[in-house]
């Protein structure tokens, strides 16, 4: 066992289990994040027609878009605590079923109030997915490899933008079918993959390496060895989180600023760029006619 530990820490025994993890786990986690990002930002595609149909002003739309993050931020930590107790398989599946149902329910909003309520509920439902998966990766990868895995996971945002825009445009073209508006079809159909994938997560996502049937005992020992070594290295660090200490640390504040500006631009573009492009297209058509 000591030989295995030493090799695992040196990485010579980790190549095979890492390949298996990338093959079996990462595609599932990336697809979950793609669906999550599409479902939280597809109101940007629906804005133009939905606002007219339900009497939503630009201010009301912006408020509803932001309300998602109120419950999302408040419930992220509690949700992650439940994940550590219940297990990733059950909790992530629960998150996906809940947000999938609520995303489908967005098709039935009838005014600003119901729009606000559904956005708050959707934020509560999705809370915990992103931090939960980031925590989940710590059970499978050491620090160095986890940085690569996290970067791969975050590609889901780029892929969501590539997939979401043309998919949303296609679904909006269903306007009038069976008496539904195009934005209703878009919300309803785009909520279904989360529900379907939840059952895949329930069946295929192991809570920890020892539960993975596609890892043999040597693979599990190698993973546990490197994680145990890193845990020993950090054993003497303070375990109690101090918000006061964090807020007085320049590096921490700089990271907060960087993340804030990144998120501000990502979600600002996701929610409002489709409407801006649509207004430009309308203006261009008007000038061509004139």
Protein backbone atom coordinates (compact mmCIF):
# COMPACT_ATOMS: atom_id res chain seq x y z
CA UNK A 1 0.00 0.00 0.00
CA UNK A 2 2.88 2.39 0.77
CA UNK A 3 4.29 1.82 -2.73
CA UNK A 4 0.92 2.61 -4.24
CA UNK A 5 0.68 5.76 -2.13
CA UNK A 6 4.06 7.02 -3.24
CA UNK A 7 3.35 6.35 -6.90
CA UNK A 8 -0.07 7.92 -6.61
CA UNK A 9 1.38 11.09 -5.12
CA UNK A 10 3.94 11.18 -7.93
CA UNK A 11 1.16 10.78 -10.48
CA UNK A 12 2.39 7.57 -12.07
CA UNK A 13 -0.67 5.64 -10.91
CA UNK A 14 -3.14 8.44 -11.65
CA UNK A 15 -3.11 8.53 -15.42
CA UNK A 16 -5.40 5.54 -15.85
CA UNK A 17 -8.05 6.57 -13.27
CA UNK A 18 -7.98 10.14 -14.55
CA UNK A 19 -8.72 8.95 -18.07
CA UNK A 20 -11.64 6.92 -16.76
CA UNK A 21 -12.98 9.89 -14.77
CA UNK A 22 -12.75 12.19 -17.78
CA UNK A 23 -14.55 9.63 -19.89
CA UNK A 24 -17.30 8.64 -17.45
CA UNK A 25 -17.94 11.73 -15.32
CA UNK A 26 -16.93 14.92 -17.09
CA UNK A 27 -19.31 14.67 -20.10
CA UNK A 28 -22.25 14.24 -17.73
CA UNK A 29 -21.23 17.20 -15.56
CA UNK A 30 -20.56 19.44 -18.57
CA UNK A 31 -23.94 18.65 -20.14
CA UNK A 32 -25.65 19.40 -16.82
CA UNK A 33 -23.96 22.80 -16.70
CA UNK A 34 -24.83 23.54 -20.33
CA UNK A 35 -28.51 22.87 -19.63
CA UNK A 36 -28.36 24.92 -16.43
CA UNK A 37 -26.87 27.95 -18.16
CA UNK A 38 -29.36 27.79 -21.04
CA UNK A 39 -32.32 27.53 -18.67
CA UNK A 40 -31.25 30.49 -16.56
CA UNK A 41 -30.47 32.80 -19.49
CA UNK A 42 -33.05 31.86 -22.14
CA UNK A 43 -35.25 34.78 -21.03
CA UNK A 44 -32.87 36.91 -23.10
CA UNK A 45 -34.08 35.14 -26.25
CA UNK A 46 -37.71 35.43 -25.13
CA UNK A 47 -37.54 39.08 -24.06
CA UNK A 48 -38.81 40.78 -27.21
CA UNK A 49 -41.99 38.76 -27.75
CA UNK A 50 -42.68 37.75 -24.15
CA UNK A 51 -42.53 41.34 -22.93
CA UNK A 52 -45.25 42.33 -25.38
CA UNK A 53 -47.43 39.30 -24.66
CA UNK A 54 -47.46 39.62 -20.86
CA UNK A 55 -46.95 43.36 -20.49
CA UNK A 56 -43.37 43.30 -19.21
CA UNK A 57 -41.50 46.61 -19.21
CA UNK A 58 -37.74 46.83 -19.65
CA UNK A 59 -37.39 47.61 -15.94
CA UNK A 60 -39.57 44.65 -14.94
CA UNK A 61 -37.57 42.36 -17.19
CA UNK A 62 -34.27 43.50 -15.68
CA UNK A 63 -35.65 43.08 -12.17
CA UNK A 64 -36.88 39.57 -12.92
CA UNK A 65 -33.56 38.64 -14.49
CA UNK A 66 -31.73 39.78 -11.36
CA UNK A 67 -34.13 38.18 -8.88
CA UNK A 68 -32.88 34.78 -10.00
CA UNK A 69 -29.57 35.49 -8.29
CA UNK A 70 -31.15 36.59 -5.01
CA UNK A 71 -32.35 33.11 -4.06
CA UNK A 72 -29.48 31.51 -5.96
CA UNK A 73 -26.87 33.29 -3.83
CA UNK A 74 -28.70 32.83 -0.52
CA UNK A 75 -29.21 29.09 -0.98
CA UNK A 76 -25.89 28.09 -2.57
CA UNK A 77 -24.12 27.30 0.72
CA UNK A 78 -27.06 25.47 2.37
CA UNK A 79 -27.53 23.46 -0.82
CA UNK A 80 -23.87 22.47 -0.84
CA UNK A 81 -24.10 21.38 2.80
CA UNK A 82 -27.00 19.10 1.91
CA UNK A 83 -24.94 17.66 -0.96
CA UNK A 84 -22.09 16.74 1.39
CA UNK A 85 -24.55 14.91 3.69
CA UNK A 86 -26.89 13.30 1.17
CA UNK A 87 -24.42 12.61 -1.62
CA UNK A 88 -23.88 14.12 -5.06
CA UNK A 89 -25.99 11.59 -6.96
CA UNK A 90 -29.22 12.21 -5.05
CA UNK A 91 -28.80 15.93 -4.55
CA UNK A 92 -27.74 16.89 -8.08
CA UNK A 93 -30.58 14.76 -9.48
CA UNK A 94 -32.99 16.58 -7.15
CA UNK A 95 -31.65 19.96 -8.26
CA UNK A 96 -32.07 19.06 -11.93
CA UNK A 97 -35.61 17.72 -11.61
CA UNK A 98 -36.71 20.80 -9.64
CA UNK A 99 -35.21 23.36 -11.97
CA UNK A 100 -36.39 21.45 -15.05
CA UNK A 101 -39.98 21.54 -13.82
CA UNK A 102 -39.73 25.24 -12.96
CA UNK A 103 -38.09 26.04 -16.30
CA UNK A 104 -41.02 24.37 -18.04
CA UNK A 105 -43.30 26.39 -15.76
CA UNK A 106 -41.87 29.61 -17.18
CA UNK A 107 -44.10 28.92 -20.17
CA UNK A 108 -47.12 29.76 -18.02
CA UNK A 109 -46.14 33.20 -16.68
CA UNK A 110 -48.92 35.72 -17.31
CA UNK A 111 -47.50 38.99 -16.02
CA UNK A 112 -44.70 40.71 -14.08
CA UNK A 113 -45.64 39.17 -10.70
CA UNK A 114 -45.66 35.58 -11.92
CA UNK A 115 -42.45 36.31 -13.83
CA UNK A 116 -40.77 37.51 -10.62
CA UNK A 117 -42.01 34.50 -8.63
CA UNK A 118 -40.81 31.98 -11.21
CA UNK A 119 -37.39 33.60 -11.44
CA UNK A 120 -37.01 33.50 -7.67
CA UNK A 121 -38.05 29.84 -7.60
CA UNK A 122 -35.73 28.95 -10.49
CA UNK A 123 -32.81 30.58 -8.68
CA UNK A 124 -33.62 28.59 -5.56
CA UNK A 125 -33.85 25.38 -7.59
CA UNK A 126 -30.54 25.84 -9.42
CA UNK A 127 -28.66 26.93 -6.30
CA UNK A 128 -26.01 24.43 -5.41
CA UNK A 129 -25.36 22.91 -8.84
CA UNK A 130 -22.22 24.88 -9.68
CA UNK A 131 -20.63 24.92 -6.20
CA UNK A 132 -21.80 21.35 -5.70
CA UNK A 133 -19.96 20.15 -8.79
CA UNK A 134 -16.86 22.15 -7.84
CA UNK A 135 -16.91 20.40 -4.45
CA UNK A 136 -17.63 17.07 -6.14
CA UNK A 137 -14.48 17.39 -8.24
CA UNK A 138 -12.41 17.61 -5.03
CA UNK A 139 -13.43 14.01 -4.31
CA UNK A 140 -11.89 12.80 -7.57
CA UNK A 141 -8.88 14.97 -8.41
CA UNK A 142 -5.84 16.36 -6.66
CA UNK A 143 -5.14 20.09 -6.85
CA UNK A 144 -3.17 20.10 -10.08
CA UNK A 145 -5.49 17.85 -12.06
CA UNK A 146 -8.56 19.49 -10.53
CA UNK A 147 -7.59 22.81 -12.09
CA UNK A 148 -7.67 21.15 -15.52
CA UNK A 149 -10.97 19.41 -14.78
CA UNK A 150 -12.55 22.66 -13.56
CA UNK A 151 -11.45 24.46 -16.71
CA UNK A 152 -12.95 21.71 -18.82
CA UNK A 153 -16.18 21.88 -16.82
CA UNK A 154 -16.42 25.65 -17.32
CA UNK A 155 -16.34 25.15 -21.08
CA UNK A 156 -20.02 24.41 -20.55
CA UNK A 157 -20.73 28.16 -20.54
CA UNK A 158 -19.17 28.59 -23.99
CA UNK A 159 -20.96 25.54 -25.34
CA UNK A 160 -24.25 26.76 -23.85
CA UNK A 161 -23.94 30.03 -25.76
CA UNK A 162 -23.09 28.17 -28.97
CA UNK A 163 -26.06 25.81 -28.59
CA UNK A 164 -28.58 28.04 -26.82
CA UNK A 165 -28.89 30.86 -29.34
CA UNK A 166 -29.73 28.81 -32.45
CA UNK A 167 -31.87 26.42 -30.42
CA UNK A 168 -33.81 29.29 -28.90
CA UNK A 169 -34.31 30.89 -32.30
CA UNK A 170 -35.59 27.61 -33.70
CA UNK A 171 -38.07 27.13 -30.85
CA UNK A 172 -39.29 30.73 -31.09
CA UNK A 173 -40.26 29.98 -34.69
CA UNK A 174 -42.95 27.62 -33.32
CA UNK A 175 -45.03 30.71 -32.51
CA UNK A 176 -48.73 30.00 -32.92
CA UNK A 177 -48.47 26.21 -32.90
CA UNK A 178 -51.28 24.71 -30.76
CA UNK A 179 -52.16 28.22 -29.61
CA UNK A 180 -48.87 28.78 -27.80
CA UNK A 181 -46.45 31.63 -28.28
CA UNK A 182 -42.95 30.80 -29.46
CA UNK A 183 -41.41 31.81 -26.12
CA UNK A 184 -43.75 29.40 -24.33
CA UNK A 185 -42.58 26.53 -26.51
CA UNK A 186 -38.97 27.56 -25.89
CA UNK A 187 -39.28 27.57 -22.11
CA UNK A 188 -41.21 24.30 -22.00
CA UNK A 189 -38.99 22.34 -24.38
CA UNK A 190 -35.71 23.66 -22.96
CA UNK A 191 -36.79 22.61 -19.45
CA UNK A 192 -37.29 18.97 -20.44
CA UNK A 193 -33.60 17.99 -20.87
CA UNK A 194 -32.88 18.84 -17.22
CA UNK A 195 -35.60 16.44 -16.09
CA UNK A 196 -34.39 13.70 -18.44
CA UNK A 197 -30.74 14.11 -17.46
CA UNK A 198 -31.66 13.97 -13.76
CA UNK A 199 -32.57 10.30 -14.18
CA UNK A 200 -29.24 9.65 -15.92
CA UNK A 201 -27.44 11.36 -13.01
CA UNK A 202 -29.42 9.23 -10.54
CA UNK A 203 -28.32 6.02 -12.25
CA UNK A 204 -24.78 6.81 -13.37
CA UNK A 205 -23.20 9.39 -11.05
CA UNK A 206 -21.23 7.75 -8.21
CA UNK A 207 -20.97 9.66 -4.94
CA UNK A 208 -17.26 8.89 -4.53
CA UNK A 209 -14.48 6.91 -6.26
CA UNK A 210 -15.16 3.79 -4.18
CA UNK A 211 -18.72 3.70 -5.59
CA UNK A 212 -17.60 3.83 -9.23
CA UNK A 213 -17.92 0.39 -10.82
CA UNK A 214 -15.61 1.48 -13.65
CA UNK A 215 -12.68 2.03 -11.24
CA UNK A 216 -10.76 -0.95 -9.88
CA UNK A 217 -9.26 -1.12 -6.40
CA UNK A 218 -5.85 0.17 -7.53
CA UNK A 219 -7.48 3.18 -9.17
CA UNK A 220 -9.41 4.00 -5.99
CA UNK A 221 -6.30 3.60 -3.83
CA UNK A 222 -4.31 5.89 -6.11
CA UNK A 223 -6.98 8.61 -6.00
CA UNK A 224 -7.42 8.33 -2.23
CA UNK A 225 -3.66 8.41 -1.71
CA UNK A 226 -3.12 11.74 -3.44
CA UNK A 227 -6.16 13.25 -1.72
CA UNK A 228 -4.93 12.00 1.67
CA UNK A 229 -1.48 13.49 1.05
CA UNK A 230 -2.99 16.89 0.19
CA UNK A 231 -5.26 16.72 3.24
CA UNK A 232 -2.22 16.05 5.43
CA UNK A 233 -0.41 19.03 3.90
CA UNK A 234 -3.29 21.34 4.81
CA UNK A 235 -4.03 19.77 8.21
CA UNK A 236 -2.44 22.64 10.14
CA UNK A 237 -4.23 25.44 8.28
CA UNK A 238 -7.04 27.23 10.17
CA UNK A 239 -10.32 25.39 9.66
CA UNK A 240 -12.61 28.25 10.72
CA UNK A 241 -13.59 30.66 7.96
CA UNK A 242 -13.30 34.33 8.89
CA UNK A 243 -15.19 36.77 6.70
CA UNK A 244 -13.39 39.67 8.37
CA UNK A 245 -10.01 38.20 7.49
CA UNK A 246 -11.08 37.51 3.92
CA UNK A 247 -12.39 41.05 3.40
CA UNK A 248 -9.12 42.49 4.66
CA UNK A 249 -7.06 40.43 2.20
CA UNK A 250 -6.16 42.30 -0.99
CA UNK A 251 -5.80 39.17 -3.08
CA UNK A 252 -9.26 37.99 -2.04
CA UNK A 253 -10.81 41.38 -2.85
CA UNK A 254 -9.06 41.43 -6.22
CA UNK A 255 -10.45 37.98 -7.04
CA UNK A 256 -13.94 39.13 -6.02
CA UNK A 257 -13.61 42.14 -8.33
CA UNK A 258 -12.42 39.99 -11.23
CA UNK A 259 -15.24 37.51 -10.75
CA UNK A 260 -17.82 40.30 -10.41
CA UNK A 261 -16.78 41.97 -13.67
CA UNK A 262 -16.71 38.61 -15.44
CA UNK A 263 -20.19 37.65 -14.27
CA UNK A 264 -21.51 41.15 -14.97
CA UNK A 265 -20.42 40.93 -18.59
CA UNK A 266 -21.47 37.28 -19.12
CA UNK A 267 -25.01 37.68 -17.82
CA UNK A 268 -25.43 41.21 -19.14
CA UNK A 269 -24.72 39.95 -22.64
CA UNK A 270 -26.82 36.80 -22.18
CA UNK A 271 -29.90 38.71 -21.03
CA UNK A 272 -29.75 41.84 -23.17
CA UNK A 273 -27.65 41.17 -26.28
CA UNK A 274 -30.45 39.31 -28.15
CA UNK A 275 -32.75 42.30 -27.65
CA UNK A 276 -30.05 44.75 -28.75
CA UNK A 277 -29.36 42.75 -31.90
CA UNK A 278 -33.09 42.53 -32.55
CA UNK A 279 -33.47 46.31 -32.28
CA UNK A 280 -30.57 46.81 -34.67
CA UNK A 281 -32.17 44.42 -37.15
CA UNK A 282 -35.47 46.29 -36.94
CA UNK A 283 -33.70 49.62 -37.44
CA UNK A 284 -31.78 48.25 -40.43
CA UNK A 285 -35.00 46.97 -42.05
CA UNK A 286 -36.63 50.34 -41.48
CA UNK A 287 -33.75 52.18 -43.15
CA UNK A 288 -33.74 49.78 -46.08
CA UNK A 289 -37.47 50.34 -46.60
CA UNK A 290 -37.07 54.09 -46.31
